[in-house]
Amino acid sequence: MCIICHPDPLWRATWEGRTLDQIYTKILKFMPDDDPGSLSPAEAASAVAYILQSNGFEAGLIPLPTDDTVLSRIRVEAPPK
């Protein structure tokens, strides 16, 4: 579970301005710490969606894709206030 190592899902300062493929790839390749690379593409995309929602981003109508090309077109920007 992510919460064991990441009790606070707030991360805007680190990822703002980057694209979702960067976050997705990091999670897919390097998480979890005790078994890196063991998540499926769908699990990594779900983790990204959870992180976004935990940081105030509204959920979309469809699940996040697992296609790097599509995710590279989505930039993390602070939600409007």
PDB file of N, CA and C in Angstrom:
ATOM      1  N   MET A   1       0.828  -1.188   0.000  1.00  0.00           N
ATOM      2  CA  MET A   1       0.000   0.000   0.000  1.00  0.00           C
ATOM      3  C   MET A   1       0.871   1.249   0.000  1.00  0.00           C
ATOM      4  N   CYS A   2       0.469   2.204  -0.772  1.00  0.00           N
ATOM      5  CA  CYS A   2       1.217   3.457  -0.898  1.00  0.00           C
ATOM      6  C   CYS A   2       1.316   4.215   0.430  1.00  0.00           C
ATOM      7  N   ILE A   3       0.244   4.154   1.214  1.00  0.00           N
ATOM      8  CA  ILE A   3       0.158   4.942   2.445  1.00  0.00           C
ATOM      9  C   ILE A   3       1.245   4.592   3.459  1.00  0.00           C
ATOM     10  N   ILE A   4       1.795   3.397   3.375  1.00  0.00           N
ATOM     11  CA  ILE A   4       2.843   2.996   4.310  1.00  0.00           C
ATOM     12  C   ILE A   4       4.067   3.904   4.167  1.00  0.00           C
ATOM     13  N   CYS A   5       4.472   4.177   2.936  1.00  0.00           N
ATOM     14  CA  CYS A   5       5.642   5.034   2.691  1.00  0.00           C
ATOM     15  C   CYS A   5       5.266   6.483   2.390  1.00  0.00           C
ATOM     16  N   HIS A   6       4.033   6.683   1.957  1.00  0.00           N
ATOM     17  CA  HIS A   6       3.576   8.007   1.531  1.00  0.00           C
ATOM     18  C   HIS A   6       2.317   8.382   2.308  1.00  0.00           C
ATOM     19  N   PRO A   7       2.444   8.761   3.573  1.00  0.00           N
ATOM     20  CA  PRO A   7       1.256   9.063   4.365  1.00  0.00           C
ATOM     21  C   PRO A   7       0.533  10.327   3.904  1.00  0.00           C
ATOM     22  N   ASP A   8       1.220  11.197   3.199  1.00  0.00           N
ATOM     23  CA  ASP A   8       0.619  12.451   2.735  1.00  0.00           C
ATOM     24  C   ASP A   8       0.711  12.499   1.215  1.00  0.00           C
ATOM     25  N   PRO A   9      -0.417  12.366   0.515  1.00  0.00           N
ATOM     26  CA  PRO A   9      -0.373  12.349  -0.942  1.00  0.00           C
ATOM     27  C   PRO A   9      -0.200  13.727  -1.594  1.00  0.00           C
ATOM     28  N   LEU A  10       0.016  14.777  -0.793  1.00  0.00           N
ATOM     29  CA  LEU A  10       0.180  16.109  -1.383  1.00  0.00           C
ATOM     30  C   LEU A  10       1.583  16.233  -1.971  1.00  0.00           C
ATOM     31  N   TRP A  11       1.661  16.637  -3.220  1.00  0.00           N
ATOM     32  CA  TRP A  11       2.938  16.623  -3.932  1.00  0.00           C
ATOM     33  C   TRP A  11       3.024  17.701  -5.000  1.00  0.00           C
ATOM     34  N   ARG A  12       2.128  18.660  -4.983  1.00  0.00           N
ATOM     35  CA  ARG A  12       2.072  19.666  -6.048  1.00  0.00           C
ATOM     36  C   ARG A  12       3.411  20.321  -6.341  1.00  0.00           C
ATOM     37  N   ALA A  13       4.131  20.711  -5.316  1.00  0.00           N
ATOM     38  CA  ALA A  13       5.395  21.430  -5.533  1.00  0.00           C
ATOM     39  C   ALA A  13       6.386  20.595  -6.337  1.00  0.00           C
ATOM     40  N   THR A  14       6.352  19.288  -6.172  1.00  0.00           N
ATOM     41  CA  THR A  14       7.284  18.406  -6.865  1.00  0.00           C
ATOM     42  C   THR A  14       6.889  18.166  -8.313  1.00  0.00           C
ATOM     43  N   TRP A  15       5.592  17.997  -8.584  1.00  0.00           N
ATOM     44  CA  TRP A  15       5.139  17.542  -9.902  1.00  0.00           C
ATOM     45  C   TRP A  15       4.455  18.610 -10.745  1.00  0.00           C
ATOM     46  N   GLU A  16       4.136  19.758 -10.177  1.00  0.00           N
ATOM     47  CA  GLU A  16       3.443  20.776 -10.966  1.00  0.00           C
ATOM     48  C   GLU A  16       4.292  21.183 -12.167  1.00  0.00           C
ATOM     49  N   GLY A  17       3.656  21.243 -13.325  1.00  0.00           N
ATOM     50  CA  GLY A  17       4.327  21.607 -14.563  1.00  0.00           C
ATOM     51  C   GLY A  17       4.827  20.417 -15.362  1.00  0.00           C
ATOM     52  N   ARG A  18       4.872  19.258 -14.735  1.00  0.00           N
ATOM     53  CA  ARG A  18       5.299  18.040 -15.439  1.00  0.00           C
ATOM     54  C   ARG A  18       4.078  17.372 -16.070  1.00  0.00           C
ATOM     55  N   THR A  19       4.335  16.357 -16.865  1.00  0.00           N
ATOM     56  CA  THR A  19       3.239  15.645 -17.509  1.00  0.00           C
ATOM     57  C   THR A  19       2.958  14.327 -16.796  1.00  0.00           C
ATOM     58  N   LEU A  20       1.741  13.827 -16.977  1.00  0.00           N
ATOM     59  CA  LEU A  20       1.331  12.632 -16.252  1.00  0.00           C
ATOM     60  C   LEU A  20       2.126  11.391 -16.633  1.00  0.00           C
ATOM     61  N   ASP A  21       2.681  11.362 -17.839  1.00  0.00           N
ATOM     62  CA  ASP A  21       3.483  10.184 -18.205  1.00  0.00           C
ATOM     63  C   ASP A  21       4.712  10.063 -17.312  1.00  0.00           C
ATOM     64  N   GLN A  22       5.251  11.178 -16.851  1.00  0.00           N
ATOM     65  CA  GLN A  22       6.421  11.135 -15.970  1.00  0.00           C
ATOM     66  C   GLN A  22       6.061  10.517 -14.618  1.00  0.00           C
ATOM     67  N   ILE A  23       4.920  10.906 -14.081  1.00  0.00           N
ATOM     68  CA  ILE A  23       4.471  10.363 -12.802  1.00  0.00           C
ATOM     69  C   ILE A  23       4.126   8.877 -12.964  1.00  0.00           C
ATOM     70  N   TYR A  24       3.366   8.578 -14.001  1.00  0.00           N
ATOM     71  CA  TYR A  24       2.937   7.207 -14.283  1.00  0.00           C
ATOM     72  C   TYR A  24       4.144   6.278 -14.451  1.00  0.00           C
ATOM     73  N   THR A  25       5.127   6.705 -15.234  1.00  0.00           N
ATOM     74  CA  THR A  25       6.306   5.868 -15.471  1.00  0.00           C
ATOM     75  C   THR A  25       7.090   5.637 -14.189  1.00  0.00           C
ATOM     76  N   LYS A  26       7.218   6.665 -13.371  1.00  0.00           N
ATOM     77  CA  LYS A  26       7.938   6.499 -12.095  1.00  0.00           C
ATOM     78  C   LYS A  26       7.229   5.480 -11.214  1.00  0.00           C
ATOM     79  N   ILE A  27       5.920   5.587 -11.117  1.00  0.00           N
ATOM     80  CA  ILE A  27       5.161   4.641 -10.297  1.00  0.00           C
ATOM     81  C   ILE A  27       5.260   3.235 -10.882  1.00  0.00           C
ATOM     82  N   LEU A  28       5.096   3.119 -12.194  1.00  0.00           N
ATOM     83  CA  LEU A  28       5.113   1.817 -12.853  1.00  0.00           C
ATOM     84  C   LEU A  28       6.454   1.110 -12.696  1.00  0.00           C
ATOM     85  N   LYS A  29       7.542   1.841 -12.818  1.00  0.00           N
ATOM     86  CA  LYS A  29       8.874   1.227 -12.786  1.00  0.00           C
ATOM     87  C   LYS A  29       9.466   1.071 -11.386  1.00  0.00           C
ATOM     88  N   PHE A  30       9.163   2.007 -10.493  1.00  0.00           N
ATOM     89  CA  PHE A  30       9.886   2.055  -9.222  1.00  0.00           C
ATOM     90  C   PHE A  30       9.051   1.806  -7.968  1.00  0.00           C
ATOM     91  N   MET A  31       7.760   1.607  -8.111  1.00  0.00           N
ATOM     92  CA  MET A  31       6.908   1.383  -6.949  1.00  0.00           C
ATOM     93  C   MET A  31       6.310  -0.017  -7.017  1.00  0.00           C
ATOM     94  N   PRO A  32       5.987  -0.564  -5.888  1.00  0.00           N
ATOM     95  CA  PRO A  32       6.301  -0.116  -4.534  1.00  0.00           C
ATOM     96  C   PRO A  32       7.763  -0.373  -4.197  1.00  0.00           C
ATOM     97  N   ASP A  33       8.234   0.281  -3.176  1.00  0.00           N
ATOM     98  CA  ASP A  33       9.639   0.162  -2.782  1.00  0.00           C
ATOM     99  C   ASP A  33      10.067  -1.275  -2.506  1.00  0.00           C
ATOM    100  N   ASP A  34       9.169  -2.066  -1.940  1.00  0.00           N
ATOM    101  CA  ASP A  34       9.545  -3.430  -1.584  1.00  0.00           C
ATOM    102  C   ASP A  34       9.409  -4.437  -2.736  1.00  0.00           C
ATOM    103  N   ASP A  35       8.875  -3.983  -3.880  1.00  0.00           N
ATOM    104  CA  ASP A  35       8.741  -4.860  -5.056  1.00  0.00           C
ATOM    105  C   ASP A  35       8.608  -4.000  -6.316  1.00  0.00           C
ATOM    106  N   PRO A  36       9.655  -3.218  -6.636  1.00  0.00           N
ATOM    107  CA  PRO A  36       9.579  -2.286  -7.762  1.00  0.00           C
ATOM    108  C   PRO A  36       9.174  -2.971  -9.063  1.00  0.00           C
ATOM    109  N   GLY A  37       8.310  -2.288  -9.801  1.00  0.00           N
ATOM    110  CA  GLY A  37       7.894  -2.786 -11.104  1.00  0.00           C
ATOM    111  C   GLY A  37       6.817  -3.852 -11.061  1.00  0.00           C
ATOM    112  N   SER A  38       6.270  -4.108  -9.889  1.00  0.00           N
ATOM    113  CA  SER A  38       5.279  -5.176  -9.773  1.00  0.00           C
ATOM    114  C   SER A  38       3.850  -4.725 -10.060  1.00  0.00           C
ATOM    115  N   LEU A  39       3.631  -3.428 -10.163  1.00  0.00           N
ATOM    116  CA  LEU A  39       2.279  -2.937 -10.452  1.00  0.00           C
ATOM    117  C   LEU A  39       1.956  -3.128 -11.923  1.00  0.00           C
ATOM    118  N   SER A  40       0.710  -3.426 -12.195  1.00  0.00           N
ATOM    119  CA  SER A  40       0.259  -3.501 -13.586  1.00  0.00           C
ATOM    120  C   SER A  40       0.080  -2.076 -14.114  1.00  0.00           C
ATOM    121  N   PRO A  41       0.041  -1.890 -15.423  1.00  0.00           N
ATOM    122  CA  PRO A  41      -0.220  -0.554 -15.959  1.00  0.00           C
ATOM    123  C   PRO A  41      -1.516   0.052 -15.409  1.00  0.00           C
ATOM    124  N   ALA A  42      -2.563  -0.759 -15.282  1.00  0.00           N
ATOM    125  CA  ALA A  42      -3.832  -0.251 -14.755  1.00  0.00           C
ATOM    126  C   ALA A  42      -3.689   0.179 -13.299  1.00  0.00           C
ATOM    127  N   GLU A  43      -2.931  -0.573 -12.496  1.00  0.00           N
ATOM    128  CA  GLU A  43      -2.716  -0.204 -11.089  1.00  0.00           C
ATOM    129  C   GLU A  43      -1.921   1.095 -10.987  1.00  0.00           C
ATOM    130  N   ALA A  44      -0.922   1.275 -11.843  1.00  0.00           N
ATOM    131  CA  ALA A  44      -0.136   2.514 -11.830  1.00  0.00           C
ATOM    132  C   ALA A  44      -1.010   3.699 -12.223  1.00  0.00           C
ATOM    133  N   ALA A  45      -1.863   3.526 -13.230  1.00  0.00           N
ATOM    134  CA  ALA A  45      -2.765   4.603 -13.649  1.00  0.00           C
ATOM    135  C   ALA A  45      -3.756   4.930 -12.535  1.00  0.00           C
ATOM    136  N   SER A  46      -4.239   3.908 -11.835  1.00  0.00           N
ATOM    137  CA  SER A  46      -5.152   4.138 -10.702  1.00  0.00           C
ATOM    138  C   SER A  46      -4.451   4.913  -9.586  1.00  0.00           C
ATOM    139  N   ALA A  47      -3.183   4.606  -9.348  1.00  0.00           N
ATOM    140  CA  ALA A  47      -2.419   5.331  -8.331  1.00  0.00           C
ATOM    141  C   ALA A  47      -2.271   6.803  -8.716  1.00  0.00           C
ATOM    142  N   VAL A  48      -1.997   7.077  -9.988  1.00  0.00           N
ATOM    143  CA  VAL A  48      -1.894   8.463 -10.466  1.00  0.00           C
ATOM    144  C   VAL A  48      -3.227   9.171 -10.266  1.00  0.00           C
ATOM    145  N   ALA A  49      -4.324   8.510 -10.631  1.00  0.00           N
ATOM    146  CA  ALA A  49      -5.654   9.109 -10.476  1.00  0.00           C
ATOM    147  C   ALA A  49      -5.945   9.425  -9.009  1.00  0.00           C
ATOM    148  N   TYR A  50      -5.578   8.512  -8.115  1.00  0.00           N
ATOM    149  CA  TYR A  50      -5.781   8.730  -6.686  1.00  0.00           C
ATOM    150  C   TYR A  50      -4.976   9.939  -6.200  1.00  0.00           C
ATOM    151  N   ILE A  51      -3.742  10.018  -6.623  1.00  0.00           N
ATOM    152  CA  ILE A  51      -2.882  11.138  -6.220  1.00  0.00           C
ATOM    153  C   ILE A  51      -3.465  12.455  -6.715  1.00  0.00           C
ATOM    154  N   LEU A  52      -3.905  12.480  -7.963  1.00  0.00           N
ATOM    155  CA  LEU A  52      -4.506  13.701  -8.513  1.00  0.00           C
ATOM    156  C   LEU A  52      -5.738  14.108  -7.708  1.00  0.00           C
ATOM    157  N   GLN A  53      -6.619  13.156  -7.448  1.00  0.00           N
ATOM    158  CA  GLN A  53      -7.836  13.449  -6.706  1.00  0.00           C
ATOM    159  C   GLN A  53      -7.510  13.906  -5.283  1.00  0.00           C
ATOM    160  N   SER A  54      -6.514  13.295  -4.657  1.00  0.00           N
ATOM    161  CA  SER A  54      -6.106  13.681  -3.298  1.00  0.00           C
ATOM    162  C   SER A  54      -5.524  15.080  -3.245  1.00  0.00           C
ATOM    163  N   ASN A  55      -5.107  15.576  -4.398  1.00  0.00           N
ATOM    164  CA  ASN A  55      -4.529  16.917  -4.478  1.00  0.00           C
ATOM    165  C   ASN A  55      -5.508  17.943  -5.041  1.00  0.00           C
ATOM    166  N   GLY A  56      -6.797  17.600  -5.059  1.00  0.00           N
ATOM    167  CA  GLY A  56      -7.820  18.567  -5.432  1.00  0.00           C
ATOM    168  C   GLY A  56      -8.217  18.586  -6.893  1.00  0.00           C
ATOM    169  N   PHE A  57      -7.701  17.676  -7.688  1.00  0.00           N
ATOM    170  CA  PHE A  57      -8.086  17.620  -9.087  1.00  0.00           C
ATOM    171  C   PHE A  57      -9.376  16.806  -9.200  1.00  0.00           C
ATOM    172  N   GLU A  58     -10.297  17.268 -10.025  1.00  0.00           N
ATOM    173  CA  GLU A  58     -11.558  16.556 -10.201  1.00  0.00           C
ATOM    174  C   GLU A  58     -11.352  15.293 -11.019  1.00  0.00           C
ATOM    175  N   ALA A  59     -12.104  14.270 -10.674  1.00  0.00           N
ATOM    176  CA  ALA A  59     -12.045  13.022 -11.418  1.00  0.00           C
ATOM    177  C   ALA A  59     -12.642  13.228 -12.806  1.00  0.00           C
ATOM    178  N   GLY A  60     -12.084  12.525 -13.774  1.00  0.00           N
ATOM    179  CA  GLY A  60     -12.611  12.586 -15.131  1.00  0.00           C
ATOM    180  C   GLY A  60     -13.754  11.611 -15.307  1.00  0.00           C
ATOM    181  N   LEU A  61     -14.289  11.600 -16.497  1.00  0.00           N
ATOM    182  CA  LEU A  61     -15.411  10.717 -16.796  1.00  0.00           C
ATOM    183  C   LEU A  61     -14.970   9.295 -17.129  1.00  0.00           C
ATOM    184  N   ILE A  62     -13.715   9.134 -17.509  1.00  0.00           N
ATOM    185  CA  ILE A  62     -13.179   7.814 -17.843  1.00  0.00           C
ATOM    186  C   ILE A  62     -11.886   7.597 -17.059  1.00  0.00           C
ATOM    187  N   PRO A  63     -11.489   6.341 -16.864  1.00  0.00           N
ATOM    188  CA  PRO A  63     -10.223   6.088 -16.160  1.00  0.00           C
ATOM    189  C   PRO A  63      -9.037   6.657 -16.936  1.00  0.00           C
ATOM    190  N   LEU A  64      -7.980   7.004 -16.207  1.00  0.00           N
ATOM    191  CA  LEU A  64      -6.761   7.465 -16.880  1.00  0.00           C
ATOM    192  C   LEU A  64      -6.242   6.351 -17.782  1.00  0.00           C
ATOM    193  N   PRO A  65      -5.770   6.713 -18.960  1.00  0.00           N
ATOM    194  CA  PRO A  65      -5.218   5.690 -19.855  1.00  0.00           C
ATOM    195  C   PRO A  65      -3.842   5.230 -19.374  1.00  0.00           C
ATOM    196  N   THR A  66      -3.383   4.139 -19.934  1.00  0.00           N
ATOM    197  CA  THR A  66      -2.045   3.630 -19.622  1.00  0.00           C
ATOM    198  C   THR A  66      -1.093   3.867 -20.783  1.00  0.00           C
ATOM    199  N   ASP A  67      -1.500   4.673 -21.731  1.00  0.00           N
ATOM    200  CA  ASP A  67      -0.702   4.990 -22.918  1.00  0.00           C
ATOM    201  C   ASP A  67       0.168   6.217 -22.635  1.00  0.00           C
ATOM    202  N   ASP A  68       1.498   6.024 -22.667  1.00  0.00           N
ATOM    203  CA  ASP A  68       2.437   7.122 -22.388  1.00  0.00           C
ATOM    204  C   ASP A  68       2.214   8.318 -23.310  1.00  0.00           C
ATOM    205  N   THR A  69       1.873   8.060 -24.561  1.00  0.00           N
ATOM    206  CA  THR A  69       1.677   9.151 -25.521  1.00  0.00           C
ATOM    207  C   THR A  69       0.512  10.039 -25.098  1.00  0.00           C
ATOM    208  N   VAL A  70      -0.563   9.420 -24.666  1.00  0.00           N
ATOM    209  CA  VAL A  70      -1.727  10.184 -24.205  1.00  0.00           C
ATOM    210  C   VAL A  70      -1.390  10.912 -22.910  1.00  0.00           C
ATOM    211  N   LEU A  71      -0.773  10.220 -21.971  1.00  0.00           N
ATOM    212  CA  LEU A  71      -0.434  10.834 -20.685  1.00  0.00           C
ATOM    213  C   LEU A  71       0.575  11.975 -20.832  1.00  0.00           C
ATOM    214  N   SER A  72       1.408  11.922 -21.854  1.00  0.00           N
ATOM    215  CA  SER A  72       2.398  12.985 -22.060  1.00  0.00           C
ATOM    216  C   SER A  72       1.744  14.292 -22.494  1.00  0.00           C
ATOM    217  N   ARG A  73       0.491  14.237 -22.889  1.00  0.00           N
ATOM    218  CA  ARG A  73      -0.242  15.445 -23.309  1.00  0.00           C
ATOM    219  C   ARG A  73      -1.007  16.099 -22.172  1.00  0.00           C
ATOM    220  N   ILE A  74      -0.951  15.481 -20.980  1.00  0.00           N
ATOM    221  CA  ILE A  74      -1.684  16.007 -19.823  1.00  0.00           C
ATOM    222  C   ILE A  74      -0.679  16.573 -18.829  1.00  0.00           C
ATOM    223  N   ARG A  75      -0.710  17.885 -18.673  1.00  0.00           N
ATOM    224  CA  ARG A  75       0.224  18.571 -17.788  1.00  0.00           C
ATOM    225  C   ARG A  75      -0.437  18.830 -16.436  1.00  0.00           C
ATOM    226  N   VAL A  76       0.325  18.652 -15.373  1.00  0.00           N
ATOM    227  CA  VAL A  76      -0.158  18.916 -14.015  1.00  0.00           C
ATOM    228  C   VAL A  76      -0.110  20.419 -13.784  1.00  0.00           C
ATOM    229  N   GLU A  77      -1.278  20.992 -13.556  1.00  0.00           N
ATOM    230  CA  GLU A  77      -1.382  22.425 -13.245  1.00  0.00           C
ATOM    231  C   GLU A  77      -2.337  22.568 -12.085  1.00  0.00           C
ATOM    232  N   ALA A  78      -2.077  23.533 -11.258  1.00  0.00           N
ATOM    233  CA  ALA A  78      -2.943  23.750 -10.093  1.00  0.00           C
ATOM    234  C   ALA A  78      -4.368  23.988 -10.552  1.00  0.00           C
ATOM    235  N   PRO A  79      -5.341  23.355  -9.879  1.00  0.00           N
ATOM    236  CA  PRO A  79      -6.736  23.593 -10.240  1.00  0.00           C
ATOM    237  C   PRO A  79      -7.118  25.030  -9.960  1.00  0.00           C
ATOM    238  N   PRO A  80      -8.019  25.582 -10.772  1.00  0.00           N
ATOM    239  CA  PRO A  80      -8.458  26.953 -10.521  1.00  0.00           C
ATOM    240  C   PRO A  80      -9.166  27.053  -9.182  1.00  0.00           C
ATOM    241  N   LYS A  81      -9.002  28.180  -8.534  1.00  0.00           N
ATOM    242  CA  LYS A  81      -9.639  28.383  -7.219  1.00  0.00           C
ATOM    243  C   LYS A  81     -10.947  29.088  -7.368  1.00  0.00           C
TER     244      LYS A  81
END
